[in-house]
Amino acid sequence: MKIHEKVYFKNSEGHQLVGVVDRDDDKTTQGLVFIFGNFNSYKYSTRQEDLAALFTSLGFATFRFDYQGRGESEGDISYATFTSGLDDTS
């Protein structure tokens, strides 16, 4: 069974970030792959969706998310920096 589940979490600044976990319970045996797009990326970009589909077909679950101020995540993109993007990943 293919699963696409939204995940909500907060970064160190308290902004709610939104991600998705994709997995196929009939195939997922290899572990989890984190897909980090560039800081202007979006979790539903073509590239990120293609990577998720590829890894899922190979038996991995995947996780991807929107950095603060992008997509469904909270925050103001005009205050985003390289450092804040790295902070979102930890």
PDB file of N, CA and C in Angstrom:
ATOM      1  N   MET A   1       0.840  -1.176   0.000  1.00  0.00           N
ATOM      2  CA  MET A   1       0.000   0.000   0.000  1.00  0.00           C
ATOM      3  C   MET A   1       0.889   1.244   0.000  1.00  0.00           C
ATOM      4  N   LYS A   2       0.656   2.151  -0.940  1.00  0.00           N
ATOM      5  CA  LYS A   2       1.423   3.392  -1.008  1.00  0.00           C
ATOM      6  C   LYS A   2       0.867   4.401  -0.010  1.00  0.00           C
ATOM      7  N   ILE A   3       1.773   5.012   0.734  1.00  0.00           N
ATOM      8  CA  ILE A   3       1.418   5.984   1.769  1.00  0.00           C
ATOM      9  C   ILE A   3       2.068   7.322   1.431  1.00  0.00           C
ATOM     10  N   HIS A   4       1.302   8.391   1.529  1.00  0.00           N
ATOM     11  CA  HIS A   4       1.787   9.770   1.361  1.00  0.00           C
ATOM     12  C   HIS A   4       1.226  10.528   2.558  1.00  0.00           C
ATOM     13  N   GLU A   5       2.095  10.838   3.514  1.00  0.00           N
ATOM     14  CA  GLU A   5       1.639  11.410   4.778  1.00  0.00           C
ATOM     15  C   GLU A   5       2.331  12.732   5.071  1.00  0.00           C
ATOM     16  N   LYS A   6       1.544  13.760   5.383  1.00  0.00           N
ATOM     17  CA  LYS A   6       2.129  15.047   5.775  1.00  0.00           C
ATOM     18  C   LYS A   6       2.651  14.953   7.198  1.00  0.00           C
ATOM     19  N   VAL A   7       3.767  15.660   7.417  1.00  0.00           N
ATOM     20  CA  VAL A   7       4.424  15.694   8.713  1.00  0.00           C
ATOM     21  C   VAL A   7       4.641  17.159   9.080  1.00  0.00           C
ATOM     22  N   TYR A   8       4.340  17.511  10.317  1.00  0.00           N
ATOM     23  CA  TYR A   8       4.485  18.883  10.788  1.00  0.00           C
ATOM     24  C   TYR A   8       5.512  18.907  11.918  1.00  0.00           C
ATOM     25  N   PHE A   9       6.433  19.877  11.855  1.00  0.00           N
ATOM     26  CA  PHE A   9       7.435  20.018  12.904  1.00  0.00           C
ATOM     27  C   PHE A   9       7.872  21.474  12.961  1.00  0.00           C
ATOM     28  N   LYS A  10       8.555  21.860  14.037  1.00  0.00           N
ATOM     29  CA  LYS A  10       8.986  23.244  14.213  1.00  0.00           C
ATOM     30  C   LYS A  10      10.505  23.339  14.121  1.00  0.00           C
ATOM     31  N   ASN A  11      10.963  24.455  13.544  1.00  0.00           N
ATOM     32  CA  ASN A  11      12.402  24.712  13.532  1.00  0.00           C
ATOM     33  C   ASN A  11      12.776  25.445  14.819  1.00  0.00           C
ATOM     34  N   SER A  12      14.046  25.799  14.970  1.00  0.00           N
ATOM     35  CA  SER A  12      14.496  26.420  16.220  1.00  0.00           C
ATOM     36  C   SER A  12      13.896  27.802  16.452  1.00  0.00           C
ATOM     37  N   GLU A  13      13.380  28.441  15.397  1.00  0.00           N
ATOM     38  CA  GLU A  13      12.738  29.752  15.539  1.00  0.00           C
ATOM     39  C   GLU A  13      11.249  29.620  15.861  1.00  0.00           C
ATOM     40  N   GLY A  14      10.739  28.409  15.914  1.00  0.00           N
ATOM     41  CA  GLY A  14       9.334  28.178  16.236  1.00  0.00           C
ATOM     42  C   GLY A  14       8.405  28.170  15.038  1.00  0.00           C
ATOM     43  N   HIS A  15       8.949  28.284  13.819  1.00  0.00           N
ATOM     44  CA  HIS A  15       8.104  28.208  12.622  1.00  0.00           C
ATOM     45  C   HIS A  15       7.699  26.761  12.366  1.00  0.00           C
ATOM     46  N   GLN A  16       6.432  26.586  12.039  1.00  0.00           N
ATOM     47  CA  GLN A  16       5.977  25.245  11.673  1.00  0.00           C
ATOM     48  C   GLN A  16       6.402  24.948  10.240  1.00  0.00           C
ATOM     49  N   LEU A  17       7.111  23.846  10.060  1.00  0.00           N
ATOM     50  CA  LEU A  17       7.528  23.403   8.741  1.00  0.00           C
ATOM     51  C   LEU A  17       6.688  22.195   8.349  1.00  0.00           C
ATOM     52  N   VAL A  18       6.480  22.033   7.050  1.00  0.00           N
ATOM     53  CA  VAL A  18       5.627  20.947   6.564  1.00  0.00           C
ATOM     54  C   VAL A  18       6.434  20.068   5.620  1.00  0.00           C
ATOM     55  N   GLY A  19       6.375  18.780   5.871  1.00  0.00           N
ATOM     56  CA  GLY A  19       7.051  17.813   5.022  1.00  0.00           C
ATOM     57  C   GLY A  19       6.104  16.692   4.639  1.00  0.00           C
ATOM     58  N   VAL A  20       6.606  15.775   3.832  1.00  0.00           N
ATOM     59  CA  VAL A  20       5.827  14.592   3.465  1.00  0.00           C
ATOM     60  C   VAL A  20       6.727  13.363   3.533  1.00  0.00           C
ATOM     61  N   VAL A  21       6.135  12.280   3.961  1.00  0.00           N
ATOM     62  CA  VAL A  21       6.784  10.975   3.939  1.00  0.00           C
ATOM     63  C   VAL A  21       6.046  10.143   2.911  1.00  0.00           C
ATOM     64  N   ASP A  22       6.794   9.561   1.992  1.00  0.00           N
ATOM     65  CA  ASP A  22       6.230   8.646   1.002  1.00  0.00           C
ATOM     66  C   ASP A  22       6.845   7.277   1.237  1.00  0.00           C
ATOM     67  N   ARG A  23       5.996   6.254   1.194  1.00  0.00           N
ATOM     68  CA  ARG A  23       6.503   4.893   1.316  1.00  0.00           C
ATOM     69  C   ARG A  23       5.502   3.930   0.688  1.00  0.00           C
ATOM     70  N   ASP A  24       5.988   2.786   0.348  1.00  0.00           N
ATOM     71  CA  ASP A  24       5.138   1.715  -0.152  1.00  0.00           C
ATOM     72  C   ASP A  24       5.302   0.565   0.823  1.00  0.00           C
ATOM     73  N   ASP A  25       4.305   0.332   1.656  1.00  0.00           N
ATOM     74  CA  ASP A  25       4.420  -0.681   2.697  1.00  0.00           C
ATOM     75  C   ASP A  25       4.653  -2.079   2.148  1.00  0.00           C
ATOM     76  N   ASP A  26       4.357  -2.290   0.879  1.00  0.00           N
ATOM     77  CA  ASP A  26       4.619  -3.595   0.267  1.00  0.00           C
ATOM     78  C   ASP A  26       6.082  -3.745  -0.139  1.00  0.00           C
ATOM     79  N   LYS A  27       6.824  -2.628  -0.217  1.00  0.00           N
ATOM     80  CA  LYS A  27       8.204  -2.666  -0.705  1.00  0.00           C
ATOM     81  C   LYS A  27       9.227  -2.070   0.253  1.00  0.00           C
ATOM     82  N   THR A  28       8.818  -1.218   1.186  1.00  0.00           N
ATOM     83  CA  THR A  28       9.776  -0.469   1.997  1.00  0.00           C
ATOM     84  C   THR A  28      10.540  -1.392   2.934  1.00  0.00           C
ATOM     85  N   THR A  29      11.789  -1.624   2.604  1.00  0.00           N
ATOM     86  CA  THR A  29      12.651  -2.472   3.420  1.00  0.00           C
ATOM     87  C   THR A  29      14.049  -1.903   3.577  1.00  0.00           C
ATOM     88  N   GLN A  30      14.390  -0.863   2.826  1.00  0.00           N
ATOM     89  CA  GLN A  30      15.761  -0.384   2.761  1.00  0.00           C
ATOM     90  C   GLN A  30      16.088   0.740   3.737  1.00  0.00           C
ATOM     91  N   GLY A  31      15.120   1.429   4.259  1.00  0.00           N
ATOM     92  CA  GLY A  31      15.388   2.550   5.152  1.00  0.00           C
ATOM     93  C   GLY A  31      14.730   3.821   4.639  1.00  0.00           C
ATOM     94  N   LEU A  32      15.267   4.958   5.067  1.00  0.00           N
ATOM     95  CA  LEU A  32      14.682   6.260   4.766  1.00  0.00           C
ATOM     96  C   LEU A  32      15.701   7.131   4.041  1.00  0.00           C
ATOM     97  N   VAL A  33      15.259   7.799   2.975  1.00  0.00           N
ATOM     98  CA  VAL A  33      16.094   8.751   2.236  1.00  0.00           C
ATOM     99  C   VAL A  33      15.533  10.147   2.478  1.00  0.00           C
ATOM    100  N   PHE A  34      16.390  11.062   2.931  1.00  0.00           N
ATOM    101  CA  PHE A  34      16.016  12.461   3.086  1.00  0.00           C
ATOM    102  C   PHE A  34      16.326  13.168   1.773  1.00  0.00           C
ATOM    103  N   ILE A  35      15.327  13.837   1.210  1.00  0.00           N
ATOM    104  CA  ILE A  35      15.517  14.577  -0.034  1.00  0.00           C
ATOM    105  C   ILE A  35      15.528  16.062   0.319  1.00  0.00           C
ATOM    106  N   PHE A  36      16.713  16.659   0.241  1.00  0.00           N
ATOM    107  CA  PHE A  36      16.864  18.082   0.530  1.00  0.00           C
ATOM    108  C   PHE A  36      16.998  18.826  -0.791  1.00  0.00           C
ATOM    109  N   GLY A  37      16.005  19.635  -1.106  1.00  0.00           N
ATOM    110  CA  GLY A  37      16.091  20.463  -2.300  1.00  0.00           C
ATOM    111  C   GLY A  37      16.918  21.690  -2.007  1.00  0.00           C
ATOM    112  N   ASN A  38      17.089  22.543  -3.010  1.00  0.00           N
ATOM    113  CA  ASN A  38      17.785  23.797  -2.726  1.00  0.00           C
ATOM    114  C   ASN A  38      16.866  24.681  -1.892  1.00  0.00           C
ATOM    115  N   PHE A  39      17.396  25.748  -1.344  1.00  0.00           N
ATOM    116  CA  PHE A  39      16.639  26.550  -0.388  1.00  0.00           C
ATOM    117  C   PHE A  39      15.437  27.260  -1.005  1.00  0.00           C
ATOM    118  N   ASN A  40      15.377  27.357  -2.314  1.00  0.00           N
ATOM    119  CA  ASN A  40      14.211  27.947  -2.971  1.00  0.00           C
ATOM    120  C   ASN A  40      13.269  26.880  -3.498  1.00  0.00           C
ATOM    121  N   SER A  41      13.528  25.648  -3.162  1.00  0.00           N
ATOM    122  CA  SER A  41      12.759  24.524  -3.676  1.00  0.00           C
ATOM    123  C   SER A  41      11.450  24.337  -2.909  1.00  0.00           C
ATOM    124  N   TYR A  42      10.647  23.449  -3.412  1.00  0.00           N
ATOM    125  CA  TYR A  42       9.333  23.155  -2.866  1.00  0.00           C
ATOM    126  C   TYR A  42       9.189  21.639  -2.854  1.00  0.00           C
ATOM    127  N   LYS A  43       8.585  21.093  -1.807  1.00  0.00           N
ATOM    128  CA  LYS A  43       8.516  19.638  -1.665  1.00  0.00           C
ATOM    129  C   LYS A  43       7.754  18.950  -2.798  1.00  0.00           C
ATOM    130  N   TYR A  44       6.924  19.686  -3.518  1.00  0.00           N
ATOM    131  CA  TYR A  44       6.188  19.100  -4.635  1.00  0.00           C
ATOM    132  C   TYR A  44       6.773  19.505  -5.992  1.00  0.00           C
ATOM    133  N   SER A  45       8.033  19.940  -6.002  1.00  0.00           N
ATOM    134  CA  SER A  45       8.663  20.256  -7.285  1.00  0.00           C
ATOM    135  C   SER A  45       8.812  18.953  -8.080  1.00  0.00           C
ATOM    136  N   THR A  46       8.886  19.080  -9.384  1.00  0.00           N
ATOM    137  CA  THR A  46       9.010  17.901 -10.243  1.00  0.00           C
ATOM    138  C   THR A  46      10.219  17.070  -9.862  1.00  0.00           C
ATOM    139  N   ARG A  47      11.354  17.710  -9.638  1.00  0.00           N
ATOM    140  CA  ARG A  47      12.580  16.985  -9.296  1.00  0.00           C
ATOM    141  C   ARG A  47      12.423  16.207  -7.987  1.00  0.00           C
ATOM    142  N   GLN A  48      11.872  16.853  -6.977  1.00  0.00           N
ATOM    143  CA  GLN A  48      11.720  16.168  -5.694  1.00  0.00           C
ATOM    144  C   GLN A  48      10.706  15.028  -5.788  1.00  0.00           C
ATOM    145  N   GLU A  49       9.626  15.234  -6.522  1.00  0.00           N
ATOM    146  CA  GLU A  49       8.647  14.151  -6.687  1.00  0.00           C
ATOM    147  C   GLU A  49       9.242  12.994  -7.480  1.00  0.00           C
ATOM    148  N   ASP A  50      10.037  13.283  -8.509  1.00  0.00           N
ATOM    149  CA  ASP A  50      10.680  12.219  -9.282  1.00  0.00           C
ATOM    150  C   ASP A  50      11.656  11.422  -8.423  1.00  0.00           C
ATOM    151  N   LEU A  51      12.443  12.112  -7.602  1.00  0.00           N
ATOM    152  CA  LEU A  51      13.375  11.417  -6.712  1.00  0.00           C
ATOM    153  C   LEU A  51      12.632  10.548  -5.704  1.00  0.00           C
ATOM    154  N   ALA A  52      11.547  11.084  -5.137  1.00  0.00           N
ATOM    155  CA  ALA A  52      10.756  10.301  -4.184  1.00  0.00           C
ATOM    156  C   ALA A  52      10.198   9.043  -4.848  1.00  0.00           C
ATOM    157  N   ALA A  53       9.674   9.177  -6.056  1.00  0.00           N
ATOM    158  CA  ALA A  53       9.121   8.015  -6.772  1.00  0.00           C
ATOM    159  C   ALA A  53      10.210   6.985  -7.060  1.00  0.00           C
ATOM    160  N   LEU A  54      11.391   7.446  -7.469  1.00  0.00           N
ATOM    161  CA  LEU A  54      12.490   6.530  -7.754  1.00  0.00           C
ATOM    162  C   LEU A  54      12.895   5.749  -6.507  1.00  0.00           C
ATOM    163  N   PHE A  55      13.172   6.459  -5.418  1.00  0.00           N
ATOM    164  CA  PHE A  55      13.615   5.779  -4.203  1.00  0.00           C
ATOM    165  C   PHE A  55      12.520   4.883  -3.623  1.00  0.00           C
ATOM    166  N   THR A  56      11.272   5.318  -3.702  1.00  0.00           N
ATOM    167  CA  THR A  56      10.173   4.483  -3.216  1.00  0.00           C
ATOM    168  C   THR A  56      10.088   3.189  -4.022  1.00  0.00           C
ATOM    169  N   SER A  57      10.281   3.284  -5.329  1.00  0.00           N
ATOM    170  CA  SER A  57      10.235   2.077  -6.164  1.00  0.00           C
ATOM    171  C   SER A  57      11.382   1.116  -5.846  1.00  0.00           C
ATOM    172  N   LEU A  58      12.470   1.650  -5.277  1.00  0.00           N
ATOM    173  CA  LEU A  58      13.621   0.832  -4.904  1.00  0.00           C
ATOM    174  C   LEU A  58      13.527   0.297  -3.479  1.00  0.00           C
ATOM    175  N   GLY A  59      12.419   0.573  -2.794  1.00  0.00           N
ATOM    176  CA  GLY A  59      12.208   0.028  -1.458  1.00  0.00           C
ATOM    177  C   GLY A  59      12.547   0.947  -0.312  1.00  0.00           C
ATOM    178  N   PHE A  60      12.765   2.226  -0.599  1.00  0.00           N
ATOM    179  CA  PHE A  60      13.058   3.197   0.453  1.00  0.00           C
ATOM    180  C   PHE A  60      11.830   4.040   0.758  1.00  0.00           C
ATOM    181  N   ALA A  61      11.676   4.446   2.002  1.00  0.00           N
ATOM    182  CA  ALA A  61      10.744   5.516   2.348  1.00  0.00           C
ATOM    183  C   ALA A  61      11.487   6.821   2.074  1.00  0.00           C
ATOM    184  N   THR A  62      10.770   7.896   1.798  1.00  0.00           N
ATOM    185  CA  THR A  62      11.416   9.195   1.557  1.00  0.00           C
ATOM    186  C   THR A  62      10.772  10.270   2.415  1.00  0.00           C
ATOM    187  N   PHE A  63      11.577  11.286   2.718  1.00  0.00           N
ATOM    188  CA  PHE A  63      11.094  12.460   3.447  1.00  0.00           C
ATOM    189  C   PHE A  63      11.602  13.694   2.730  1.00  0.00           C
ATOM    190  N   ARG A  64      10.706  14.653   2.477  1.00  0.00           N
ATOM    191  CA  ARG A  64      11.067  15.943   1.877  1.00  0.00           C
ATOM    192  C   ARG A  64      10.186  17.002   2.518  1.00  0.00           C
ATOM    193  N   PHE A  65      10.648  18.239   2.502  1.00  0.00           N
ATOM    194  CA  PHE A  65       9.890  19.283   3.198  1.00  0.00           C
ATOM    195  C   PHE A  65      10.105  20.636   2.546  1.00  0.00           C
ATOM    196  N   ASP A  66       9.283  21.588   2.965  1.00  0.00           N
ATOM    197  CA  ASP A  66       9.420  22.980   2.538  1.00  0.00           C
ATOM    198  C   ASP A  66      10.220  23.727   3.595  1.00  0.00           C
ATOM    199  N   TYR A  67      11.286  24.408   3.170  1.00  0.00           N
ATOM    200  CA  TYR A  67      12.034  25.264   4.089  1.00  0.00           C
ATOM    201  C   TYR A  67      11.129  26.411   4.539  1.00  0.00           C
ATOM    202  N   GLN A  68      11.501  27.072   5.636  1.00  0.00           N
ATOM    203  CA  GLN A  68      10.688  28.172   6.157  1.00  0.00           C
ATOM    204  C   GLN A  68      10.428  29.220   5.084  1.00  0.00           C
ATOM    205  N   GLY A  69       9.190  29.694   5.054  1.00  0.00           N
ATOM    206  CA  GLY A  69       8.806  30.727   4.107  1.00  0.00           C
ATOM    207  C   GLY A  69       8.514  30.214   2.712  1.00  0.00           C
ATOM    208  N   ARG A  70       8.531  28.907   2.526  1.00  0.00           N
ATOM    209  CA  ARG A  70       8.269  28.317   1.210  1.00  0.00           C
ATOM    210  C   ARG A  70       7.124  27.314   1.317  1.00  0.00           C
ATOM    211  N   GLY A  71       6.409  27.155   0.221  1.00  0.00           N
ATOM    212  CA  GLY A  71       5.328  26.163   0.202  1.00  0.00           C
ATOM    213  C   GLY A  71       4.368  26.346   1.362  1.00  0.00           C
ATOM    214  N   GLU A  72       4.152  25.282   2.111  1.00  0.00           N
ATOM    215  CA  GLU A  72       3.210  25.307   3.230  1.00  0.00           C
ATOM    216  C   GLU A  72       3.863  25.650   4.571  1.00  0.00           C
ATOM    217  N   SER A  73       5.166  25.858   4.586  1.00  0.00           N
ATOM    218  CA  SER A  73       5.857  26.142   5.842  1.00  0.00           C
ATOM    219  C   SER A  73       5.741  27.612   6.230  1.00  0.00           C
ATOM    220  N   GLU A  74       5.699  27.845   7.540  1.00  0.00           N
ATOM    221  CA  GLU A  74       5.604  29.206   8.058  1.00  0.00           C
ATOM    222  C   GLU A  74       6.926  29.943   7.910  1.00  0.00           C
ATOM    223  N   GLY A  75       6.849  31.244   8.021  1.00  0.00           N
ATOM    224  CA  GLY A  75       8.041  32.090   7.982  1.00  0.00           C
ATOM    225  C   GLY A  75       7.998  33.034   6.804  1.00  0.00           C
ATOM    226  N   ASP A  76       8.876  34.003   6.842  1.00  0.00           N
ATOM    227  CA  ASP A  76       8.964  35.010   5.792  1.00  0.00           C
ATOM    228  C   ASP A  76      10.201  34.717   4.959  1.00  0.00           C
ATOM    229  N   ILE A  77       9.999  34.410   3.711  1.00  0.00           N
ATOM    230  CA  ILE A  77      11.116  34.040   2.828  1.00  0.00           C
ATOM    231  C   ILE A  77      12.152  35.158   2.712  1.00  0.00           C
ATOM    232  N   SER A  78      11.749  36.398   2.926  1.00  0.00           N
ATOM    233  CA  SER A  78      12.702  37.506   2.796  1.00  0.00           C
ATOM    234  C   SER A  78      13.742  37.496   3.925  1.00  0.00           C
ATOM    235  N   TYR A  79      13.482  36.758   5.004  1.00  0.00           N
ATOM    236  CA  TYR A  79      14.440  36.645   6.103  1.00  0.00           C
ATOM    237  C   TYR A  79      15.245  35.351   6.037  1.00  0.00           C
ATOM    238  N   ALA A  80      14.989  34.543   5.037  1.00  0.00           N
ATOM    239  CA  ALA A  80      15.685  33.261   4.923  1.00  0.00           C
ATOM    240  C   ALA A  80      17.130  33.471   4.486  1.00  0.00           C
ATOM    241  N   THR A  81      18.010  32.721   5.105  1.00  0.00           N
ATOM    242  CA  THR A  81      19.435  32.765   4.776  1.00  0.00           C
ATOM    243  C   THR A  81      19.940  31.332   4.625  1.00  0.00           C
ATOM    244  N   PHE A  82      21.173  31.202   4.188  1.00  0.00           N
ATOM    245  CA  PHE A  82      21.789  29.890   4.112  1.00  0.00           C
ATOM    246  C   PHE A  82      21.782  29.234   5.492  1.00  0.00           C
ATOM    247  N   THR A  83      22.111  30.003   6.515  1.00  0.00           N
ATOM    248  CA  THR A  83      22.158  29.477   7.878  1.00  0.00           C
ATOM    249  C   THR A  83      20.780  29.030   8.353  1.00  0.00           C
ATOM    250  N   SER A  84      19.740  29.823   8.065  1.00  0.00           N
ATOM    251  CA  SER A  84      18.408  29.414   8.505  1.00  0.00           C
ATOM    252  C   SER A  84      17.939  28.163   7.747  1.00  0.00           C
ATOM    253  N   GLY A  85      18.351  28.036   6.482  1.00  0.00           N
ATOM    254  CA  GLY A  85      18.017  26.823   5.733  1.00  0.00           C
ATOM    255  C   GLY A  85      18.682  25.593   6.336  1.00  0.00           C
ATOM    256  N   LEU A  86      19.939  25.725   6.723  1.00  0.00           N
ATOM    257  CA  LEU A  86      20.616  24.615   7.392  1.00  0.00           C
ATOM    258  C   LEU A  86      19.950  24.288   8.709  1.00  0.00           C
ATOM    259  N   ASP A  87      19.522  25.327   9.422  1.00  0.00           N
ATOM    260  CA  ASP A  87      18.839  25.122  10.701  1.00  0.00           C
ATOM    261  C   ASP A  87      17.536  24.331  10.497  1.00  0.00           C
ATOM    262  N   ASP A  88      16.846  24.586   9.407  1.00  0.00           N
ATOM    263  CA  ASP A  88      15.592  23.867   9.137  1.00  0.00           C
ATOM    264  C   ASP A  88      15.817  22.368   8.975  1.00  0.00           C
ATOM    265  N   THR A  89      17.026  21.973   8.568  1.00  0.00           N
ATOM    266  CA  THR A  89      17.285  20.562   8.338  1.00  0.00           C
ATOM    267  C   THR A  89      17.692  19.814   9.611  1.00  0.00           C
ATOM    268  N   SER A  90      17.937  20.531  10.690  1.00  0.00           N
ATOM    269  CA  SER A  90      18.394  19.844  11.900  1.00  0.00           C
ATOM    270  C   SER A  90      17.311  19.690  12.937  1.00  0.00           C
TER     271      SER A  90
END
